[in-house]
Amino acid sequence: MSHITKLQILKLYKDLLRYGQGLRFTDKDYFCNRIRREFRKNRELGDESEISFNFEKGTALLIRRAVQ
């Protein structure tokens, strides 16, 4: 299991918000608020496996471009 740094998490956060600004068929405000809410909710995670799971989940969203 690789150690995920705070800088990597911050980059993912910024990348997800940028991705949200380019959405065409989805409410951009809802998407960005949802990203902010999820990151705030997970701010206090301490378990490395939970952090890794959520990081991979966010990364997969960017890779798949699942939201249009």
PDB file of N, CA and C in Angstrom:
ATOM      1  N   MET A   1       0.848  -1.171   0.000  1.00  0.00           N
ATOM      2  CA  MET A   1       0.000   0.000   0.000  1.00  0.00           C
ATOM      3  C   MET A   1       0.896   1.237   0.000  1.00  0.00           C
ATOM      4  N   SER A   2       0.649   2.135  -0.882  1.00  0.00           N
ATOM      5  CA  SER A   2       1.482   3.329  -0.973  1.00  0.00           C
ATOM      6  C   SER A   2       0.946   4.417  -0.049  1.00  0.00           C
ATOM      7  N   HIS A   3       1.844   5.213   0.424  1.00  0.00           N
ATOM      8  CA  HIS A   3       1.479   6.326   1.295  1.00  0.00           C
ATOM      9  C   HIS A   3       1.037   7.505   0.431  1.00  0.00           C
ATOM     10  N   ILE A   4      -0.131   8.024   0.716  1.00  0.00           N
ATOM     11  CA  ILE A   4      -0.671   9.144  -0.051  1.00  0.00           C
ATOM     12  C   ILE A   4      -0.420  10.415   0.744  1.00  0.00           C
ATOM     13  N   THR A   5       0.214  11.386   0.117  1.00  0.00           N
ATOM     14  CA  THR A   5       0.565  12.624   0.802  1.00  0.00           C
ATOM     15  C   THR A   5      -0.572  13.639   0.738  1.00  0.00           C
ATOM     16  N   LYS A   6      -0.478  14.631   1.600  1.00  0.00           N
ATOM     17  CA  LYS A   6      -1.469  15.708   1.603  1.00  0.00           C
ATOM     18  C   LYS A   6      -1.436  16.483   0.291  1.00  0.00           C
ATOM     19  N   LEU A   7      -0.258  16.609  -0.300  1.00  0.00           N
ATOM     20  CA  LEU A   7      -0.152  17.314  -1.587  1.00  0.00           C
ATOM     21  C   LEU A   7      -0.885  16.556  -2.687  1.00  0.00           C
ATOM     22  N   GLN A   8      -0.821  15.234  -2.671  1.00  0.00           N
ATOM     23  CA  GLN A   8      -1.539  14.436  -3.664  1.00  0.00           C
ATOM     24  C   GLN A   8      -3.043  14.598  -3.485  1.00  0.00           C
ATOM     25  N   ILE A   9      -3.489  14.634  -2.240  1.00  0.00           N
ATOM     26  CA  ILE A   9      -4.916  14.801  -1.959  1.00  0.00           C
ATOM     27  C   ILE A   9      -5.372  16.188  -2.392  1.00  0.00           C
ATOM     28  N   LEU A  10      -4.575  17.212  -2.117  1.00  0.00           N
ATOM     29  CA  LEU A  10      -4.913  18.569  -2.528  1.00  0.00           C
ATOM     30  C   LEU A  10      -4.972  18.682  -4.050  1.00  0.00           C
ATOM     31  N   LYS A  11      -4.046  18.038  -4.734  1.00  0.00           N
ATOM     32  CA  LYS A  11      -4.060  18.039  -6.203  1.00  0.00           C
ATOM     33  C   LYS A  11      -5.311  17.354  -6.735  1.00  0.00           C
ATOM     34  N   LEU A  12      -5.692  16.235  -6.137  1.00  0.00           N
ATOM     35  CA  LEU A  12      -6.917  15.540  -6.548  1.00  0.00           C
ATOM     36  C   LEU A  12      -8.121  16.450  -6.346  1.00  0.00           C
ATOM     37  N   TYR A  13      -8.183  17.130  -5.210  1.00  0.00           N
ATOM     38  CA  TYR A  13      -9.282  18.051  -4.914  1.00  0.00           C
ATOM     39  C   TYR A  13      -9.382  19.140  -5.987  1.00  0.00           C
ATOM     40  N   LYS A  14      -8.265  19.762  -6.297  1.00  0.00           N
ATOM     41  CA  LYS A  14      -8.253  20.822  -7.307  1.00  0.00           C
ATOM     42  C   LYS A  14      -8.611  20.284  -8.687  1.00  0.00           C
ATOM     43  N   ASP A  15      -8.090  19.105  -9.023  1.00  0.00           N
ATOM     44  CA  ASP A  15      -8.393  18.496 -10.327  1.00  0.00           C
ATOM     45  C   ASP A  15      -9.881  18.169 -10.450  1.00  0.00           C
ATOM     46  N   LEU A  16     -10.482  17.672  -9.369  1.00  0.00           N
ATOM     47  CA  LEU A  16     -11.913  17.361  -9.404  1.00  0.00           C
ATOM     48  C   LEU A  16     -12.744  18.627  -9.561  1.00  0.00           C
ATOM     49  N   LEU A  17     -12.356  19.701  -8.881  1.00  0.00           N
ATOM     50  CA  LEU A  17     -13.092  20.963  -9.021  1.00  0.00           C
ATOM     51  C   LEU A  17     -12.948  21.534 -10.431  1.00  0.00           C
ATOM     52  N   ARG A  18     -11.755  21.435 -11.002  1.00  0.00           N
ATOM     53  CA  ARG A  18     -11.558  21.887 -12.397  1.00  0.00           C
ATOM     54  C   ARG A  18     -12.394  21.051 -13.359  1.00  0.00           C
ATOM     55  N   TYR A  19     -12.404  19.757 -13.130  1.00  0.00           N
ATOM     56  CA  TYR A  19     -13.208  18.862 -13.956  1.00  0.00           C
ATOM     57  C   TYR A  19     -14.688  19.251 -13.864  1.00  0.00           C
ATOM     58  N   GLY A  20     -15.137  19.594 -12.674  1.00  0.00           N
ATOM     59  CA  GLY A  20     -16.532  19.985 -12.477  1.00  0.00           C
ATOM     60  C   GLY A  20     -16.910  21.237 -13.244  1.00  0.00           C
ATOM     61  N   GLN A  21     -15.962  22.137 -13.416  1.00  0.00           N
ATOM     62  CA  GLN A  21     -16.244  23.370 -14.150  1.00  0.00           C
ATOM     63  C   GLN A  21     -16.435  23.132 -15.646  1.00  0.00           C
ATOM     64  N   GLY A  22     -15.954  22.007 -16.137  1.00  0.00           N
ATOM     65  CA  GLY A  22     -16.079  21.716 -17.562  1.00  0.00           C
ATOM     66  C   GLY A  22     -17.239  20.801 -17.911  1.00  0.00           C
ATOM     67  N   LEU A  23     -18.061  20.452 -16.934  1.00  0.00           N
ATOM     68  CA  LEU A  23     -19.185  19.549 -17.199  1.00  0.00           C
ATOM     69  C   LEU A  23     -20.230  20.230 -18.065  1.00  0.00           C
ATOM     70  N   ARG A  24     -20.840  19.442 -18.919  1.00  0.00           N
ATOM     71  CA  ARG A  24     -21.840  19.999 -19.832  1.00  0.00           C
ATOM     72  C   ARG A  24     -23.265  19.618 -19.449  1.00  0.00           C
ATOM     73  N   PHE A  25     -23.498  18.363 -19.090  1.00  0.00           N
ATOM     74  CA  PHE A  25     -24.864  17.885 -18.888  1.00  0.00           C
ATOM     75  C   PHE A  25     -25.187  17.645 -17.416  1.00  0.00           C
ATOM     76  N   THR A  26     -24.366  18.157 -16.538  1.00  0.00           N
ATOM     77  CA  THR A  26     -24.558  18.003 -15.104  1.00  0.00           C
ATOM     78  C   THR A  26     -24.500  19.375 -14.465  1.00  0.00           C
ATOM     79  N   ASP A  27     -25.246  19.543 -13.378  1.00  0.00           N
ATOM     80  CA  ASP A  27     -25.231  20.810 -12.648  1.00  0.00           C
ATOM     81  C   ASP A  27     -23.851  21.019 -12.031  1.00  0.00           C
ATOM     82  N   LYS A  28     -23.117  21.982 -12.543  1.00  0.00           N
ATOM     83  CA  LYS A  28     -21.739  22.238 -12.105  1.00  0.00           C
ATOM     84  C   LYS A  28     -21.680  22.605 -10.622  1.00  0.00           C
ATOM     85  N   ASP A  29     -22.616  23.445 -10.187  1.00  0.00           N
ATOM     86  CA  ASP A  29     -22.618  23.864  -8.779  1.00  0.00           C
ATOM     87  C   ASP A  29     -22.854  22.675  -7.860  1.00  0.00           C
ATOM     88  N   TYR A  30     -23.789  21.811  -8.222  1.00  0.00           N
ATOM     89  CA  TYR A  30     -24.065  20.631  -7.406  1.00  0.00           C
ATOM     90  C   TYR A  30     -22.826  19.746  -7.338  1.00  0.00           C
ATOM     91  N   PHE A  31     -22.185  19.517  -8.469  1.00  0.00           N
ATOM     92  CA  PHE A  31     -21.016  18.648  -8.512  1.00  0.00           C
ATOM     93  C   PHE A  31     -19.899  19.207  -7.631  1.00  0.00           C
ATOM     94  N   CYS A  32     -19.599  20.485  -7.764  1.00  0.00           N
ATOM     95  CA  CYS A  32     -18.514  21.097  -6.984  1.00  0.00           C
ATOM     96  C   CYS A  32     -18.851  21.119  -5.495  1.00  0.00           C
ATOM     97  N   ASN A  33     -20.099  21.391  -5.150  1.00  0.00           N
ATOM     98  CA  ASN A  33     -20.497  21.355  -3.745  1.00  0.00           C
ATOM     99  C   ASN A  33     -20.395  19.937  -3.184  1.00  0.00           C
ATOM    100  N   ARG A  34     -20.729  18.963  -3.986  1.00  0.00           N
ATOM    101  CA  ARG A  34     -20.621  17.563  -3.553  1.00  0.00           C
ATOM    102  C   ARG A  34     -19.165  17.187  -3.303  1.00  0.00           C
ATOM    103  N   ILE A  35     -18.260  17.629  -4.168  1.00  0.00           N
ATOM    104  CA  ILE A  35     -16.828  17.364  -3.983  1.00  0.00           C
ATOM    105  C   ILE A  35     -16.353  18.012  -2.686  1.00  0.00           C
ATOM    106  N   ARG A  36     -16.704  19.272  -2.479  1.00  0.00           N
ATOM    107  CA  ARG A  36     -16.293  19.973  -1.249  1.00  0.00           C
ATOM    108  C   ARG A  36     -16.831  19.263  -0.010  1.00  0.00           C
ATOM    109  N   ARG A  37     -18.096  18.865  -0.055  1.00  0.00           N
ATOM    110  CA  ARG A  37     -18.729  18.192   1.075  1.00  0.00           C
ATOM    111  C   ARG A  37     -18.038  16.860   1.386  1.00  0.00           C
ATOM    112  N   GLU A  38     -17.721  16.087   0.352  1.00  0.00           N
ATOM    113  CA  GLU A  38     -17.052  14.799   0.557  1.00  0.00           C
ATOM    114  C   GLU A  38     -15.658  14.981   1.142  1.00  0.00           C
ATOM    115  N   PHE A  39     -14.918  15.968   0.654  1.00  0.00           N
ATOM    116  CA  PHE A  39     -13.573  16.196   1.186  1.00  0.00           C
ATOM    117  C   PHE A  39     -13.636  16.688   2.626  1.00  0.00           C
ATOM    118  N   ARG A  40     -14.603  17.543   2.943  1.00  0.00           N
ATOM    119  CA  ARG A  40     -14.754  17.993   4.329  1.00  0.00           C
ATOM    120  C   ARG A  40     -15.127  16.829   5.246  1.00  0.00           C
ATOM    121  N   LYS A  41     -16.020  15.982   4.779  1.00  0.00           N
ATOM    122  CA  LYS A  41     -16.466  14.833   5.566  1.00  0.00           C
ATOM    123  C   LYS A  41     -15.304  13.886   5.855  1.00  0.00           C
ATOM    124  N   ASN A  42     -14.411  13.726   4.894  1.00  0.00           N
ATOM    125  CA  ASN A  42     -13.314  12.773   5.027  1.00  0.00           C
ATOM    126  C   ASN A  42     -12.030  13.413   5.551  1.00  0.00           C
ATOM    127  N   ARG A  43     -12.096  14.647   5.959  1.00  0.00           N
ATOM    128  CA  ARG A  43     -10.918  15.377   6.428  1.00  0.00           C
ATOM    129  C   ARG A  43     -10.238  14.686   7.609  1.00  0.00           C
ATOM    130  N   GLU A  44     -11.023  14.087   8.480  1.00  0.00           N
ATOM    131  CA  GLU A  44     -10.489  13.499   9.711  1.00  0.00           C
ATOM    132  C   GLU A  44     -10.151  12.016   9.588  1.00  0.00           C
ATOM    133  N   LEU A  45     -10.145  11.459   8.384  1.00  0.00           N
ATOM    134  CA  LEU A  45      -9.811  10.048   8.234  1.00  0.00           C
ATOM    135  C   LEU A  45      -8.383   9.806   8.706  1.00  0.00           C
ATOM    136  N   GLY A  46      -8.204   8.736   9.455  1.00  0.00           N
ATOM    137  CA  GLY A  46      -6.883   8.427   9.967  1.00  0.00           C
ATOM    138  C   GLY A  46      -6.363   7.091   9.464  1.00  0.00           C
ATOM    139  N   ASP A  47      -7.267   6.208   9.103  1.00  0.00           N
ATOM    140  CA  ASP A  47      -6.885   4.881   8.641  1.00  0.00           C
ATOM    141  C   ASP A  47      -6.355   4.957   7.207  1.00  0.00           C
ATOM    142  N   GLU A  48      -5.145   4.464   7.013  1.00  0.00           N
ATOM    143  CA  GLU A  48      -4.488   4.528   5.696  1.00  0.00           C
ATOM    144  C   GLU A  48      -5.316   3.839   4.612  1.00  0.00           C
ATOM    145  N   SER A  49      -5.994   2.749   4.958  1.00  0.00           N
ATOM    146  CA  SER A  49      -6.779   2.031   3.948  1.00  0.00           C
ATOM    147  C   SER A  49      -8.004   2.840   3.522  1.00  0.00           C
ATOM    148  N   GLU A  50      -8.628   3.564   4.453  1.00  0.00           N
ATOM    149  CA  GLU A  50      -9.770   4.419   4.104  1.00  0.00           C
ATOM    150  C   GLU A  50      -9.323   5.588   3.235  1.00  0.00           C
ATOM    151  N   ILE A  51      -8.198   6.176   3.585  1.00  0.00           N
ATOM    152  CA  ILE A  51      -7.656   7.283   2.796  1.00  0.00           C
ATOM    153  C   ILE A  51      -7.342   6.807   1.385  1.00  0.00           C
ATOM    154  N   SER A  52      -6.692   5.664   1.298  1.00  0.00           N
ATOM    155  CA  SER A  52      -6.321   5.102   0.003  1.00  0.00           C
ATOM    156  C   SER A  52      -7.563   4.787  -0.831  1.00  0.00           C
ATOM    157  N   PHE A  53      -8.588   4.202  -0.193  1.00  0.00           N
ATOM    158  CA  PHE A  53      -9.825   3.863  -0.898  1.00  0.00           C
ATOM    159  C   PHE A  53     -10.471   5.111  -1.488  1.00  0.00           C
ATOM    160  N   ASN A  54     -10.608   6.152  -0.674  1.00  0.00           N
ATOM    161  CA  ASN A  54     -11.246   7.383  -1.143  1.00  0.00           C
ATOM    162  C   ASN A  54     -10.409   8.092  -2.198  1.00  0.00           C
ATOM    163  N   PHE A  55      -9.100   8.040  -2.066  1.00  0.00           N
ATOM    164  CA  PHE A  55      -8.219   8.641  -3.062  1.00  0.00           C
ATOM    165  C   PHE A  55      -8.381   7.927  -4.408  1.00  0.00           C
ATOM    166  N   GLU A  56      -8.398   6.601  -4.374  1.00  0.00           N
ATOM    167  CA  GLU A  56      -8.571   5.824  -5.602  1.00  0.00           C
ATOM    168  C   GLU A  56      -9.953   6.066  -6.217  1.00  0.00           C
ATOM    169  N   LYS A  57     -10.951   6.234  -5.389  1.00  0.00           N
ATOM    170  CA  LYS A  57     -12.314   6.517  -5.862  1.00  0.00           C
ATOM    171  C   LYS A  57     -12.343   7.844  -6.634  1.00  0.00           C
ATOM    172  N   GLY A  58     -11.709   8.882  -6.086  1.00  0.00           N
ATOM    173  CA  GLY A  58     -11.654  10.182  -6.755  1.00  0.00           C
ATOM    174  C   GLY A  58     -10.829  10.134  -8.021  1.00  0.00           C
ATOM    175  N   THR A  59      -9.726   9.414  -7.975  1.00  0.00           N
ATOM    176  CA  THR A  59      -8.862   9.277  -9.148  1.00  0.00           C
ATOM    177  C   THR A  59      -9.591   8.536 -10.266  1.00  0.00           C
ATOM    178  N   ALA A  60     -10.326   7.500  -9.892  1.00  0.00           N
ATOM    179  CA  ALA A  60     -11.072   6.729 -10.887  1.00  0.00           C
ATOM    180  C   ALA A  60     -12.136   7.593 -11.565  1.00  0.00           C
ATOM    181  N   LEU A  61     -12.764   8.479 -10.809  1.00  0.00           N
ATOM    182  CA  LEU A  61     -13.765   9.376 -11.396  1.00  0.00           C
ATOM    183  C   LEU A  61     -13.130  10.253 -12.472  1.00  0.00           C
ATOM    184  N   LEU A  62     -11.945  10.764 -12.187  1.00  0.00           N
ATOM    185  CA  LEU A  62     -11.254  11.599 -13.182  1.00  0.00           C
ATOM    186  C   LEU A  62     -10.838  10.786 -14.407  1.00  0.00           C
ATOM    187  N   ILE A  63     -10.356   9.584 -14.186  1.00  0.00           N
ATOM    188  CA  ILE A  63      -9.892   8.748 -15.299  1.00  0.00           C
ATOM    189  C   ILE A  63     -11.052   8.325 -16.186  1.00  0.00           C
ATOM    190  N   ARG A  64     -12.145   7.886 -15.567  1.00  0.00           N
ATOM    191  CA  ARG A  64     -13.296   7.386 -16.329  1.00  0.00           C
ATOM    192  C   ARG A  64     -14.092   8.500 -16.976  1.00  0.00           C
ATOM    193  N   ARG A  65     -14.003   9.688 -16.382  1.00  0.00           N
ATOM    194  CA  ARG A  65     -14.843  10.801 -16.861  1.00  0.00           C
ATOM    195  C   ARG A  65     -16.304  10.357 -16.863  1.00  0.00           C
ATOM    196  N   ALA A  66     -16.710   9.755 -15.739  1.00  0.00           N
ATOM    197  CA  ALA A  66     -18.035   9.146 -15.619  1.00  0.00           C
ATOM    198  C   ALA A  66     -19.163  10.162 -15.631  1.00  0.00           C
ATOM    199  N   VAL A  67     -18.892  11.378 -15.204  1.00  0.00           N
ATOM    200  CA  VAL A  67     -19.934  12.400 -15.137  1.00  0.00           C
ATOM    201  C   VAL A  67     -19.791  13.295 -16.350  1.00  0.00           C
ATOM    202  N   GLN A  68     -20.875  13.554 -17.040  1.00  0.00           N
ATOM    203  CA  GLN A  68     -20.856  14.411 -18.216  1.00  0.00           C
ATOM    204  C   GLN A  68     -21.523  15.700 -17.841  1.00  0.00           C
TER     205      GLN A  68
END
